[in-house]
C-alpha atoms as a PDB file:
ATOM      1  CA  UNK A   1     225.530 265.700 -10.052  1.00  0.00           C
ATOM      2  CA  UNK A   2     229.112 263.992  -9.011  1.00  0.00           C
ATOM      3  CA  UNK A   3     228.109 263.267  -5.617  1.00  0.00           C
ATOM      4  CA  UNK A   4     224.787 261.777  -6.226  1.00  0.00           C
ATOM      5  CA  UNK A   5     226.026 259.490  -9.218  1.00  0.00           C
ATOM      6  CA  UNK A   6     228.622 258.088  -7.311  1.00  0.00           C
ATOM      7  CA  UNK A   7     226.789 257.501  -3.842  1.00  0.00           C
ATOM      8  CA  UNK A   8     223.801 256.323  -5.962  1.00  0.00           C
ATOM      9  CA  UNK A   9     226.147 253.430  -7.963  1.00  0.00           C
ATOM     10  CA  UNK A  10     227.488 252.492  -4.500  1.00  0.00           C
ATOM     11  CA  UNK A  11     223.526 251.893  -3.536  1.00  0.00           C
ATOM     12  CA  UNK A  12     222.689 249.679  -6.847  1.00  0.00           C
ATOM     13  CA  UNK A  13     225.948 247.758  -5.753  1.00  0.00           C
ATOM     14  CA  UNK A  14     223.760 244.829  -4.456  1.00  0.00           C
ATOM     15  CA  UNK A  15     221.836 244.657  -7.910  1.00  0.00           C
ATOM     16  CA  UNK A  16     225.155 244.005  -9.519  1.00  0.00           C
ATOM     17  CA  UNK A  17     226.630 241.417  -7.201  1.00  0.00           C
ATOM     18  CA  UNK A  18     223.492 239.416  -7.432  1.00  0.00           C
ATOM     19  CA  UNK A  19     224.812 238.977 -10.802  1.00  0.00           C
ATOM     20  CA  UNK A  20     227.773 237.041 -10.045  1.00  0.00           C
ATOM     21  CA  UNK A  21     226.128 235.046  -7.430  1.00  0.00           C
ATOM     22  CA  UNK A  22     227.361 231.888  -9.566  1.00  0.00           C
ATOM     23  CA  UNK A  23     230.767 232.682  -8.221  1.00  0.00           C
ATOM     24  CA  UNK A  24     231.408 232.619  -4.321  1.00  0.00           C
ATOM     25  CA  UNK A  25     232.496 235.386  -2.216  1.00  0.00           C
ATOM     26  CA  UNK A  26     236.127 234.980  -2.568  1.00  0.00           C
ATOM     27  CA  UNK A  27     236.345 234.633  -6.349  1.00  0.00           C
ATOM     28  CA  UNK A  28     234.432 237.845  -6.911  1.00  0.00           C
ATOM     29  CA  UNK A  29     236.214 240.082  -4.341  1.00  0.00           C
ATOM     30  CA  UNK A  30     239.940 238.342  -6.234  1.00  0.00           C
ATOM     31  CA  UNK A  31     238.356 239.586  -9.511  1.00  0.00           C
ATOM     32  CA  UNK A  32     237.115 242.739  -7.956  1.00  0.00           C
ATOM     33  CA  UNK A  33     240.704 243.692  -6.911  1.00  0.00           C
ATOM     34  CA  UNK A  34     242.153 242.331  -9.903  1.00  0.00           C
ATOM     35  CA  UNK A  35     240.381 244.338 -12.837  1.00  0.00           C
ATOM     36  CA  UNK A  36     240.634 247.077 -10.367  1.00  0.00           C
ATOM     37  CA  UNK A  37     244.294 247.300 -10.717  1.00  0.00           C
ATOM     38  CA  UNK A  38     244.097 246.929 -14.285  1.00  0.00           C
ATOM     39  CA  UNK A  39     241.796 249.600 -14.847  1.00  0.00           C
ATOM     40  CA  UNK A  40     243.486 252.226 -11.979  1.00  0.00           C
ATOM     41  CA  UNK A  41     246.895 251.412 -14.102  1.00  0.00           C
ATOM     42  CA  UNK A  42     245.317 252.612 -17.307  1.00  0.00           C
ATOM     43  CA  UNK A  43     244.552 255.903 -15.951  1.00  0.00           C
ATOM     44  CA  UNK A  44     247.487 256.546 -13.878  1.00  0.00           C
ATOM     45  CA  UNK A  45     249.549 255.254 -17.316  1.00  0.00           C
ATOM     46  CA  UNK A  46     247.017 258.094 -19.423  1.00  0.00           C
ATOM     47  CA  UNK A  47     247.421 260.736 -16.768  1.00  0.00           C
ATOM     48  CA  UNK A  48     251.116 260.010 -16.871  1.00  0.00           C
ATOM     49  CA  UNK A  49     251.173 259.054 -12.842  1.00  0.00           C
ATOM     50  CA  UNK A  50     251.681 255.717 -12.693  1.00  0.00           C
ATOM     51  CA  UNK A  51     255.906 256.390 -11.896  1.00  0.00           C
ATOM     52  CA  UNK A  52     255.223 258.564  -9.130  1.00  0.00           C
ATOM     53  CA  UNK A  53     252.180 256.230  -7.946  1.00  0.00           C
ATOM     54  CA  UNK A  54     254.477 253.362  -7.667  1.00  0.00           C
ATOM     55  CA  UNK A  55     257.209 255.264  -6.475  1.00  0.00           C
ATOM     56  CA  UNK A  56     255.227 255.462  -3.113  1.00  0.00           C
ATOM     57  CA  UNK A  57     255.896 251.906  -2.546  1.00  0.00           C
ATOM     58  CA  UNK A  58     259.737 252.549  -1.639  1.00  0.00           C
ATOM     59  CA  UNK A  59     258.523 254.450   1.601  1.00  0.00           C
ATOM     60  CA  UNK A  60     258.701 251.406   4.535  1.00  0.00           C
ATOM     61  CA  UNK A  61     256.026 253.289   6.355  1.00  0.00           C
ATOM     62  CA  UNK A  62     253.952 254.534   4.124  1.00  0.00           C
ATOM     63  CA  UNK A  63     254.205 250.922   2.488  1.00  0.00           C
ATOM     64  CA  UNK A  64     253.201 249.233   5.806  1.00  0.00           C
ATOM     65  CA  UNK A  65     249.904 251.436   6.126  1.00  0.00           C
ATOM     66  CA  UNK A  66     249.086 250.856   2.505  1.00  0.00           C
ATOM     67  CA  UNK A  67     249.310 247.136   3.195  1.00  0.00           C
ATOM     68  CA  UNK A  68     247.174 247.614   6.433  1.00  0.00           C
ATOM     69  CA  UNK A  69     244.613 249.501   4.522  1.00  0.00           C
ATOM     70  CA  UNK A  70     244.850 246.913   1.511  1.00  0.00           C
ATOM     71  CA  UNK A  71     243.740 244.112   4.376  1.00  0.00           C
ATOM     72  CA  UNK A  72     241.075 246.140   5.519  1.00  0.00           C
ATOM     73  CA  UNK A  73     239.224 247.161   2.224  1.00  0.00           C
ATOM     74  CA  UNK A  74     239.577 243.332   1.734  1.00  0.00           C
ATOM     75  CA  UNK A  75     237.438 242.481   4.788  1.00  0.00           C
ATOM     76  CA  UNK A  76     235.181 245.037   4.093  1.00  0.00           C
ATOM     77  CA  UNK A  77     234.569 243.930   0.210  1.00  0.00           C
ATOM     78  CA  UNK A  78     233.869 240.291   1.528  1.00  0.00           C
ATOM     79  CA  UNK A  79     231.753 241.106   3.737  1.00  0.00           C
ATOM     80  CA  UNK A  80     229.672 243.344   1.764  1.00  0.00           C
ATOM     81  CA  UNK A  81     229.686 240.442  -1.406  1.00  0.00           C
ATOM     82  CA  UNK A  82     229.089 237.513   1.014  1.00  0.00           C
ATOM     83  CA  UNK A  83     225.848 239.392   2.780  1.00  0.00           C
ATOM     84  CA  UNK A  84     224.712 240.788  -0.763  1.00  0.00           C
ATOM     85  CA  UNK A  85     224.874 237.193  -1.625  1.00  0.00           C
ATOM     86  CA  UNK A  86     223.400 235.726   1.360  1.00  0.00           C
ATOM     87  CA  UNK A  87     220.136 237.855   2.058  1.00  0.00           C
ATOM     88  CA  UNK A  88     221.586 240.126   4.071  1.00  0.00           C
ATOM     89  CA  UNK A  89     221.601 243.488   2.201  1.00  0.00           C
ATOM     90  CA  UNK A  90     219.493 245.359   4.888  1.00  0.00           C
ATOM     91  CA  UNK A  91     221.951 244.278   7.466  1.00  0.00           C
ATOM     92  CA  UNK A  92     224.517 245.526   5.587  1.00  0.00           C
ATOM     93  CA  UNK A  93     222.974 249.052   4.539  1.00  0.00           C
ATOM     94  CA  UNK A  94     222.769 249.134   8.658  1.00  0.00           C
ATOM     95  CA  UNK A  95     226.446 248.776   8.572  1.00  0.00           C
ATOM     96  CA  UNK A  96     226.583 252.221   5.984  1.00  0.00           C
ATOM     97  CA  UNK A  97     223.911 253.750   8.320  1.00  0.00           C
ATOM     98  CA  UNK A  98     226.227 253.710  11.313  1.00  0.00           C
ATOM     99  CA  UNK A  99     229.757 254.116   9.697  1.00  0.00           C
ATOM    100  CA  UNK A 100     229.674 258.030  10.670  1.00  0.00           C
ATOM    101  CA  UNK A 101     229.011 257.389  13.931  1.00  0.00           C
ATOM    102  CA  UNK A 102     231.429 254.657  14.254  1.00  0.00           C
ATOM    103  CA  UNK A 103     233.706 257.213  12.228  1.00  0.00           C
ATOM    104  CA  UNK A 104     232.892 259.975  14.990  1.00  0.00           C
ATOM    105  CA  UNK A 105     233.934 257.018  17.688  1.00  0.00           C
ATOM    106  CA  UNK A 106     237.313 256.485  15.986  1.00  0.00           C
ATOM    107  CA  UNK A 107     237.980 260.428  15.696  1.00  0.00           C
ATOM    108  CA  UNK A 108     237.577 260.694  19.740  1.00  0.00           C
ATOM    109  CA  UNK A 109     239.748 257.285  20.663  1.00  0.00           C
ATOM    110  CA  UNK A 110     242.488 257.784  18.045  1.00  0.00           C
ATOM    111  CA  UNK A 111     242.746 261.460  16.852  1.00  0.00           C
ATOM    112  CA  UNK A 112     241.821 262.593  20.424  1.00  0.00           C
ATOM    113  CA  UNK A 113     238.783 264.705  19.119  1.00  0.00           C
ATOM    114  CA  UNK A 114     235.794 266.405  20.813  1.00  0.00           C
ATOM    115  CA  UNK A 115     232.037 265.641  20.480  1.00  0.00           C
ATOM    116  CA  UNK A 116     229.654 267.972  20.760  1.00  0.00           C
ATOM    117  CA  UNK A 117     226.543 267.596  22.200  1.00  0.00           C
ATOM    118  CA  UNK A 118     224.765 266.797  19.122  1.00  0.00           C
ATOM    119  CA  UNK A 119     227.205 263.579  18.541  1.00  0.00           C
ATOM    120  CA  UNK A 120     226.538 262.535  21.932  1.00  0.00           C
ATOM    121  CA  UNK A 121     223.285 262.220  21.605  1.00  0.00           C
ATOM    122  CA  UNK A 122     223.150 260.352  18.290  1.00  0.00           C
ATOM    123  CA  UNK A 123     225.933 258.182  19.628  1.00  0.00           C
ATOM    124  CA  UNK A 124     223.552 256.983  22.613  1.00  0.00           C
ATOM    125  CA  UNK A 125     220.654 256.819  20.195  1.00  0.00           C
ATOM    126  CA  UNK A 126     222.042 254.380  17.763  1.00  0.00           C
ATOM    127  CA  UNK A 127     223.354 252.530  20.436  1.00  0.00           C
ATOM    128  CA  UNK A 128     219.911 251.721  21.666  1.00  0.00           C
ATOM    129  CA  UNK A 129     218.981 251.234  17.901  1.00  0.00           C
ATOM    130  CA  UNK A 130     221.768 248.388  17.899  1.00  0.00           C
ATOM    131  CA  UNK A 131     220.710 246.781  21.034  1.00  0.00           C
ATOM    132  CA  UNK A 132     216.884 246.514  19.795  1.00  0.00           C
ATOM    133  CA  UNK A 133     218.309 245.103  16.497  1.00  0.00           C
ATOM    134  CA  UNK A 134     220.760 242.649  18.052  1.00  0.00           C
ATOM    135  CA  UNK A 135     217.611 241.267  20.317  1.00  0.00           C
ATOM    136  CA  UNK A 136     215.482 241.227  17.026  1.00  0.00           C
ATOM    137  CA  UNK A 137     218.369 239.074  15.249  1.00  0.00           C
ATOM    138  CA  UNK A 138     218.974 236.892  18.194  1.00  0.00           C
ATOM    139  CA  UNK A 139     222.888 237.923  17.630  1.00  0.00           C
ATOM    140  CA  UNK A 140     224.651 241.222  17.192  1.00  0.00           C
ATOM    141  CA  UNK A 141     224.649 242.336  13.727  1.00  0.00           C
ATOM    142  CA  UNK A 142     228.110 241.220  13.147  1.00  0.00           C
ATOM    143  CA  UNK A 143     227.705 242.165   9.175  1.00  0.00           C
ATOM    144  CA  UNK A 144     226.647 246.037   9.987  1.00  0.00           C
ATOM    145  CA  UNK A 145     229.244 245.606  12.679  1.00  0.00           C
ATOM    146  CA  UNK A 146     232.429 244.177  10.092  1.00  0.00           C
ATOM    147  CA  UNK A 147     231.315 246.374   7.313  1.00  0.00           C
ATOM    148  CA  UNK A 148     231.564 249.923   9.609  1.00  0.00           C
ATOM    149  CA  UNK A 149     234.095 248.956  11.681  1.00  0.00           C
ATOM    150  CA  UNK A 150     236.442 247.546   8.522  1.00  0.00           C
ATOM    151  CA  UNK A 151     235.492 251.057   6.572  1.00  0.00           C
ATOM    152  CA  UNK A 152     235.965 253.301   9.568  1.00  0.00           C
ATOM    153  CA  UNK A 153     239.453 252.115  10.144  1.00  0.00           C
ATOM    154  CA  UNK A 154     240.317 252.315   6.027  1.00  0.00           C
ATOM    155  CA  UNK A 155     239.341 255.922   6.312  1.00  0.00           C
ATOM    156  CA  UNK A 156     241.559 256.499   9.212  1.00  0.00           C
ATOM    157  CA  UNK A 157     244.483 254.854   8.126  1.00  0.00           C
ATOM    158  CA  UNK A 158     243.813 256.756   4.560  1.00  0.00           C
ATOM    159  CA  UNK A 159     243.694 259.899   6.285  1.00  0.00           C
ATOM    160  CA  UNK A 160     247.177 259.460   8.034  1.00  0.00           C
ATOM    161  CA  UNK A 161     248.211 258.484   4.338  1.00  0.00           C
ATOM    162  CA  UNK A 162     246.883 261.564   2.577  1.00  0.00           C
ATOM    163  CA  UNK A 163     247.370 259.882  -0.710  1.00  0.00           C
ATOM    164  CA  UNK A 164     244.764 260.310  -3.627  1.00  0.00           C
ATOM    165  CA  UNK A 165     241.950 258.383  -3.924  1.00  0.00           C
ATOM    166  CA  UNK A 166     243.023 256.353  -7.426  1.00  0.00           C
ATOM    167  CA  UNK A 167     246.236 256.255  -6.173  1.00  0.00           C
ATOM    168  CA  UNK A 168     246.208 254.842  -2.693  1.00  0.00           C
ATOM    169  CA  UNK A 169     243.321 252.456  -4.437  1.00  0.00           C
ATOM    170  CA  UNK A 170     246.292 251.335  -7.591  1.00  0.00           C
ATOM    171  CA  UNK A 171     248.365 250.255  -4.529  1.00  0.00           C
ATOM    172  CA  UNK A 172     245.845 248.880  -2.278  1.00  0.00           C
ATOM    173  CA  UNK A 173     244.747 246.803  -5.246  1.00  0.00           C
ATOM    174  CA  UNK A 174     248.504 245.752  -6.445  1.00  0.00           C
ATOM    175  CA  UNK A 175     249.453 244.674  -2.894  1.00  0.00           C
ATOM    176  CA  UNK A 176     246.685 242.169  -2.481  1.00  0.00           C
ATOM    177  CA  UNK A 177     246.879 241.147  -5.995  1.00  0.00           C
ATOM    178  CA  UNK A 178     249.561 238.701  -5.446  1.00  0.00           C
ATOM    179  CA  UNK A 179     246.908 236.539  -3.177  1.00  0.00           C
ATOM    180  CA  UNK A 180     243.993 237.462  -5.361  1.00  0.00           C
ATOM    181  CA  UNK A 181     245.751 236.639  -8.864  1.00  0.00           C
ATOM    182  CA  UNK A 182     247.333 233.235  -7.032  1.00  0.00           C
ATOM    183  CA  UNK A 183     244.064 232.192  -5.929  1.00  0.00           C
ATOM    184  CA  UNK A 184     242.012 233.175  -9.258  1.00  0.00           C
ATOM    185  CA  UNK A 185     245.219 230.745 -11.114  1.00  0.00           C
ATOM    186  CA  UNK A 186     244.636 227.627  -8.560  1.00  0.00           C
ATOM    187  CA  UNK A 187     241.010 227.744  -8.834  1.00  0.00           C
ATOM    188  CA  UNK A 188     241.377 228.095 -12.539  1.00  0.00           C
ATOM    189  CA  UNK A 189     243.572 224.886 -12.650  1.00  0.00           C
ATOM    190  CA  UNK A 190     241.116 223.206 -10.648  1.00  0.00           C
ATOM    191  CA  UNK A 191     238.000 223.622 -12.818  1.00  0.00           C
ATOM    192  CA  UNK A 192     236.013 225.359 -10.089  1.00  0.00           C
ATOM    193  CA  UNK A 193     236.383 229.155 -11.103  1.00  0.00           C
ATOM    194  CA  UNK A 194     233.631 230.877 -13.123  1.00  0.00           C
ATOM    195  CA  UNK A 195     235.910 233.109 -15.356  1.00  0.00           C
ATOM    196  CA  UNK A 196     235.447 231.619 -18.419  1.00  0.00           C
ATOM    197  CA  UNK A 197     232.268 229.154 -18.017  1.00  0.00           C
ATOM    198  CA  UNK A 198     229.881 231.579 -19.762  1.00  0.00           C
ATOM    199  CA  UNK A 199     230.724 234.773 -21.739  1.00  0.00           C
ATOM    200  CA  UNK A 200     227.874 236.801 -19.649  1.00  0.00           C
ATOM    201  CA  UNK A 201     229.700 236.150 -16.435  1.00  0.00           C
ATOM    202  CA  UNK A 202     232.787 236.638 -17.461  1.00  0.00           C
ATOM    203  CA  UNK A 203     232.068 239.990 -18.713  1.00  0.00           C
ATOM    204  CA  UNK A 204     230.752 240.990 -15.244  1.00  0.00           C
ATOM    205  CA  UNK A 205     233.641 239.589 -13.542  1.00  0.00           C
ATOM    206  CA  UNK A 206     236.005 241.389 -15.524  1.00  0.00           C
ATOM    207  CA  UNK A 207     233.552 245.170 -15.525  1.00  0.00           C
ATOM    208  CA  UNK A 208     234.298 244.879 -11.470  1.00  0.00           C
ATOM    209  CA  UNK A 209     237.227 246.566 -11.907  1.00  0.00           C
ATOM    210  CA  UNK A 210     235.347 249.641 -13.863  1.00  0.00           C
ATOM    211  CA  UNK A 211     232.350 249.154 -11.824  1.00  0.00           C
ATOM    212  CA  UNK A 212     235.149 249.471  -8.227  1.00  0.00           C
ATOM    213  CA  UNK A 213     236.839 252.413  -9.574  1.00  0.00           C
ATOM    214  CA  UNK A 214     234.470 254.981 -11.515  1.00  0.00           C
ATOM    215  CA  UNK A 215     232.426 255.812  -8.406  1.00  0.00           C
ATOM    216  CA  UNK A 216     235.256 256.416  -6.590  1.00  0.00           C
ATOM    217  CA  UNK A 217     236.575 258.993  -9.589  1.00  0.00           C
ATOM    218  CA  UNK A 218     233.118 260.473  -9.139  1.00  0.00           C
ATOM    219  CA  UNK A 219     233.191 261.101  -5.539  1.00  0.00           C
ATOM    220  CA  UNK A 220     236.633 262.445  -5.778  1.00  0.00           C
ATOM    221  CA  UNK A 221     235.516 264.766  -8.111  1.00  0.00           C
ATOM    222  CA  UNK A 222     232.627 265.711  -5.644  1.00  0.00           C
ATOM    223  CA  UNK A 223     234.612 266.081  -3.098  1.00  0.00           C
ATOM    224  CA  UNK A 224     236.687 269.003  -4.592  1.00  0.00           C
ATOM    225  CA  UNK A 225     233.523 271.220  -5.633  1.00  0.00           C
ATOM    226  CA  UNK A 226     230.891 270.727  -2.654  1.00  0.00           C
ATOM    227  CA  UNK A 227     231.147 271.995   0.943  1.00  0.00           C
ATOM    228  CA  UNK A 228     231.904 269.412   3.424  1.00  0.00           C
ATOM    229  CA  UNK A 229     228.227 268.970   4.837  1.00  0.00           C
ATOM    230  CA  UNK A 230     226.765 268.642   1.251  1.00  0.00           C
ATOM    231  CA  UNK A 231     228.870 265.398   1.316  1.00  0.00           C
ATOM    232  CA  UNK A 232     228.052 264.603   4.867  1.00  0.00           C
ATOM    233  CA  UNK A 233     224.589 264.607   3.613  1.00  0.00           C
ATOM    234  CA  UNK A 234     224.912 262.766   0.192  1.00  0.00           C
ATOM    235  CA  UNK A 235     226.533 259.938   1.852  1.00  0.00           C
ATOM    236  CA  UNK A 236     223.198 258.741   3.291  1.00  0.00           C
ATOM    237  CA  UNK A 237     221.832 258.135  -0.368  1.00  0.00           C
ATOM    238  CA  UNK A 238     223.947 254.412  -0.701  1.00  0.00           C
ATOM    239  CA  UNK A 239     222.635 252.996   2.436  1.00  0.00           C
ATOM    240  CA  UNK A 240     219.378 254.154   1.634  1.00  0.00           C
ATOM    241  CA  UNK A 241     219.056 252.683  -1.879  1.00  0.00           C
ATOM    242  CA  UNK A 242     220.616 249.706  -0.316  1.00  0.00           C
ATOM    243  CA  UNK A 243     217.503 249.235   2.486  1.00  0.00           C
ATOM    244  CA  UNK A 244     214.811 250.038  -0.174  1.00  0.00           C
ATOM    245  CA  UNK A 245     216.785 247.131  -2.275  1.00  0.00           C
ATOM    246  CA  UNK A 246     216.797 244.543   0.235  1.00  0.00           C
ATOM    247  CA  UNK A 247     213.271 245.365   1.642  1.00  0.00           C
ATOM    248  CA  UNK A 248     211.461 245.840  -1.605  1.00  0.00           C
ATOM    249  CA  UNK A 249     213.353 244.124  -4.379  1.00  0.00           C
ATOM    250  CA  UNK A 250     214.850 241.179  -2.498  1.00  0.00           C
ATOM    251  CA  UNK A 251     211.901 240.849  -0.308  1.00  0.00           C
ATOM    252  CA  UNK A 252     214.011 240.708   2.991  1.00  0.00           C
ATOM    253  CA  UNK A 253     212.370 240.026   5.946  1.00  0.00           C
ATOM    254  CA  UNK A 254     211.886 243.079   8.331  1.00  0.00           C
ATOM    255  CA  UNK A 255     209.814 242.181  11.279  1.00  0.00           C
ATOM    256  CA  UNK A 256     208.198 245.145  13.234  1.00  0.00           C
ATOM    257  CA  UNK A 257     211.359 245.116  16.053  1.00  0.00           C
ATOM    258  CA  UNK A 258     213.687 245.569  12.946  1.00  0.00           C
ATOM    259  CA  UNK A 259     211.628 248.309  11.744  1.00  0.00           C
ATOM    260  CA  UNK A 260     211.892 250.005  15.550  1.00  0.00           C
ATOM    261  CA  UNK A 261     215.659 249.589  15.372  1.00  0.00           C
ATOM    262  CA  UNK A 262     216.603 251.145  11.955  1.00  0.00           C
ATOM    263  CA  UNK A 263     213.625 254.187  13.022  1.00  0.00           C
ATOM    264  CA  UNK A 264     216.040 255.157  16.191  1.00  0.00           C
ATOM    265  CA  UNK A 265     219.402 254.829  13.758  1.00  0.00           C
ATOM    266  CA  UNK A 266     217.842 257.367  11.693  1.00  0.00           C
ATOM    267  CA  UNK A 267     216.809 259.549  14.445  1.00  0.00           C
ATOM    268  CA  UNK A 268     220.124 259.015  15.628  1.00  0.00           C
ATOM    269  CA  UNK A 269     221.138 260.224  12.115  1.00  0.00           C
ATOM    270  CA  UNK A 270     219.078 263.143  12.553  1.00  0.00           C
ATOM    271  CA  UNK A 271     220.823 264.458  15.110  1.00  0.00           C
ATOM    272  CA  UNK A 272     223.847 263.942  13.503  1.00  0.00           C
ATOM    273  CA  UNK A 273     223.110 265.712  10.225  1.00  0.00           C
ATOM    274  CA  UNK A 274     221.719 268.917  12.537  1.00  0.00           C
ATOM    275  CA  UNK A 275     225.400 268.413  14.235  1.00  0.00           C
ATOM    276  CA  UNK A 276     226.942 268.691  10.901  1.00  0.00           C
ATOM    277  CA  UNK A 277     224.875 271.679   9.344  1.00  0.00           C
ATOM    278  CA  UNK A 278     225.531 273.329  12.706  1.00  0.00           C
ATOM    279  CA  UNK A 279     228.988 273.095  12.523  1.00  0.00           C
ATOM    280  CA  UNK A 280     229.523 273.603   9.340  1.00  0.00           C
ATOM    281  CA  UNK A 281     231.460 276.559   7.717  1.00  0.00           C
ATOM    282  CA  UNK A 282     231.003 277.993   4.024  1.00  0.00           C
ATOM    283  CA  UNK A 283     232.858 276.636   1.689  1.00  0.00           C
ATOM    284  CA  UNK A 284     234.279 278.965  -1.519  1.00  0.00           C
ATOM    285  CA  UNK A 285     233.514 276.938  -4.133  1.00  0.00           C
ATOM    286  CA  UNK A 286     234.990 279.096  -6.919  1.00  0.00           C
ATOM    287  CA  UNK A 287     238.375 278.056  -5.450  1.00  0.00           C
ATOM    288  CA  UNK A 288     237.819 274.347  -6.333  1.00  0.00           C
END
């Protein structure tokens, strides 16, 4: 339930960000970062982990990597919210479909991991799908690629850090909040900010912190209780829900070539799923 709920909430995010489209994407991301920081600090203070979390910033190499992860997650959030509020939800879902393949590529390039046969097949098939989508769009699907590469890079940095999900998110938003809070003060003084213009929108903007952190906490809970294979399969809930929202709720265009491109990527993901199941090892859930 933790895993399904986390991935389902992430998948339903487009319905929430659309409610905020009166604000520009940078203002939305700024509120998301600032209120996420507030939420994280409250939880960390309640669990008496705040001081230990902030001590992490005293380690120069760790602080530098956290700055990089903060930049990467900001890029991911900004591109995703812009895509959602500019009728590119389907292309955004593509980014999260190909993200596992990007992570495999990063593992080979940066971590010197070896790819198995089914992984090679998945990457090759997915590349054909991306090529077809590129021809259909008349351009590279840059939204999808930006989301996949930024999130894959973020995951790579976080893997090297080894911090807890909430602690890492708190420090990342703490680092970026200086810029974001300054921007919110600036547009507030200019009278162009949406915060305070209406109670509904103001409450929605303030809710961005909890809406960002709660799925992450649920995801963390699921990873402590589920085998890696199950987590790997559950991750497809998010882009599938995003895809369904884009096609059948927001009625985005899906010409035949685009359907073909997505079908090819789904075949690649089926190959990746088979590889995941074959290579998995039994996890003793009693220990978790």
